[in-house]
Amino acid sequence: MTTKGEEKVSKKTTTYQEDLIESLKDLREAAAYLNAAMEEGDRALFLLALRNVAEAQGGMAAVAEKAHLNRENLYRMLSKKGNPEIKSIVNLLHSMGLRLTVEPKRKVTKMKVKKAA
């Protein structure tokens, strides 16, 4: 048996997934989340991260429409066994207002070149 106070608290509590999806509506958060997933080097984890960002950015159906993809194909592409082409990932990211970039692993400093005498 629960009290009225406990009932109110449980109704206000959100799940981790709900909080995550809410935070991923911010494109800066979504980009950082996807970058962190890529850093792990795990394809399945990155595809899960893409699914979460797609859900946050309007849901799979809306994102599929923006990306000019069939919804079922998008689900298949982002499944654990999915193996999307880079072109599909770039297209999907663009449809969500994101882009794929490559950066050096460490900060590159300019080297001074000495002139020969």
Protein backbone atom coordinates (compact mmCIF):
# COMPACT_ATOMS: atom_id res chain seq x y z
CA MET A 1 0.00 0.00 0.00
CA THR A 2 1.37 3.42 -0.90
CA THR A 3 0.58 6.82 0.50
CA LYS A 4 -0.55 9.74 -1.63
CA GLY A 5 2.86 11.38 -1.22
CA GLU A 6 4.67 8.30 -2.56
CA GLU A 7 2.29 8.17 -5.52
CA LYS A 8 3.08 11.79 -6.45
CA VAL A 9 6.83 11.18 -6.23
CA SER A 10 6.70 8.11 -8.45
CA LYS A 11 4.67 9.96 -11.10
CA LYS A 12 7.28 12.74 -11.26
CA THR A 13 10.21 10.35 -11.54
CA THR A 14 11.54 9.82 -15.04
CA THR A 15 13.60 6.96 -16.32
CA TYR A 16 17.21 7.23 -17.45
CA GLN A 17 16.08 6.66 -21.06
CA GLU A 18 13.52 9.49 -20.87
CA ASP A 19 16.13 11.85 -19.42
CA LEU A 20 18.64 10.81 -22.05
CA ILE A 21 16.21 11.39 -24.92
CA GLU A 22 15.28 14.79 -23.49
CA SER A 23 18.95 15.83 -23.26
CA LEU A 24 19.65 14.61 -26.82
CA LYS A 25 17.16 17.12 -28.21
CA ASP A 26 20.01 19.63 -27.83
CA LEU A 27 22.21 19.12 -30.91
CA ARG A 28 25.40 19.92 -28.95
CA GLU A 29 24.53 17.17 -26.47
CA ALA A 30 23.66 14.80 -29.32
CA ALA A 31 26.99 15.49 -31.05
CA ALA A 32 28.97 14.93 -27.83
CA TYR A 33 27.02 11.71 -27.15
CA LEU A 34 27.69 10.36 -30.66
CA ASN A 35 31.37 11.32 -30.44
CA ALA A 36 31.69 9.51 -27.12
CA ALA A 37 30.04 6.42 -28.63
CA MET A 38 32.43 6.54 -31.60
CA GLU A 39 35.43 6.82 -29.27
CA GLU A 40 34.47 3.47 -27.74
CA GLY A 41 35.06 1.80 -31.11
CA ASP A 42 32.02 -0.46 -30.73
CA ARG A 43 29.77 -0.50 -33.82
CA ALA A 44 26.70 -1.75 -31.91
CA LEU A 45 27.12 0.99 -29.29
CA PHE A 46 27.39 3.67 -31.98
CA LEU A 47 24.27 2.37 -33.73
CA LEU A 48 22.39 2.42 -30.40
CA ALA A 49 23.54 6.01 -29.89
CA LEU A 50 22.26 6.90 -33.37
CA ARG A 51 18.89 5.30 -32.52
CA ASN A 52 18.66 7.34 -29.32
CA VAL A 53 19.52 10.58 -31.13
CA ALA A 54 16.98 9.78 -33.87
CA GLU A 55 14.31 9.22 -31.21
CA ALA A 56 15.19 12.56 -29.61
CA GLN A 57 15.11 14.37 -32.93
CA GLY A 58 11.49 13.53 -33.64
CA GLY A 59 11.39 9.75 -33.75
CA MET A 60 12.43 7.15 -36.28
CA ALA A 61 9.54 7.81 -38.68
CA ALA A 62 10.18 11.57 -38.81
CA VAL A 63 13.95 11.15 -39.17
CA ALA A 64 13.49 8.51 -41.87
CA GLU A 65 11.27 10.89 -43.81
CA LYS A 66 13.76 13.78 -43.50
CA ALA A 67 16.60 11.48 -44.59
CA HIS A 68 14.53 10.11 -47.50
CA LEU A 69 14.81 6.59 -46.09
CA ASN A 70 12.22 3.90 -45.61
CA ARG A 71 11.40 3.65 -41.89
CA GLU A 72 11.87 -0.13 -41.85
CA ASN A 73 15.25 0.24 -43.57
CA LEU A 74 16.28 2.81 -40.97
CA TYR A 75 15.35 0.42 -38.15
CA ARG A 76 17.30 -2.37 -39.87
CA MET A 77 20.28 -0.08 -40.53
CA LEU A 78 20.46 0.95 -36.86
CA SER A 79 19.80 -2.50 -35.40
CA LYS A 80 22.50 -4.37 -33.43
CA LYS A 81 23.31 -6.33 -36.58
CA GLY A 82 23.07 -3.27 -38.82
CA ASN A 83 25.93 -2.50 -41.14
CA PRO A 84 25.14 0.89 -42.69
CA GLU A 85 27.23 2.42 -45.42
CA ILE A 86 29.06 5.64 -44.58
CA LYS A 87 26.85 7.43 -47.13
CA SER A 88 23.75 6.38 -45.16
CA ILE A 89 25.22 7.53 -41.86
CA VAL A 90 26.23 10.90 -43.32
CA ASN A 91 22.75 11.32 -44.82
CA LEU A 92 21.09 10.38 -41.53
CA LEU A 93 23.29 12.79 -39.54
CA HIS A 94 22.57 15.62 -41.98
CA SER A 95 18.83 15.02 -41.68
CA MET A 96 19.16 15.52 -37.90
CA GLY A 97 21.23 18.70 -38.21
CA LEU A 98 24.57 16.98 -37.51
CA ARG A 99 27.66 16.14 -39.53
CA LEU A 100 30.51 13.67 -39.44
CA THR A 101 34.00 15.12 -39.02
CA VAL A 102 37.50 13.72 -38.60
CA GLU A 103 40.04 15.29 -36.27
CA PRO A 104 43.60 14.49 -35.26
CA LYS A 105 43.87 12.26 -32.18
CA ARG A 106 46.08 14.75 -30.43
CA LYS A 107 46.59 18.45 -30.76
CA VAL A 108 48.91 19.19 -33.66
CA THR A 109 51.40 21.96 -33.17
CA LYS A 110 52.98 23.81 -36.05
CA MET A 111 56.59 22.96 -36.59
CA LYS A 112 59.00 25.74 -37.40
CA VAL A 113 61.08 25.03 -40.46
CA LYS A 114 64.63 26.40 -40.38
CA LYS A 115 65.88 27.91 -43.57
CA ALA A 116 69.11 26.52 -44.96
CA ALA A 117 72.00 29.00 -44.86
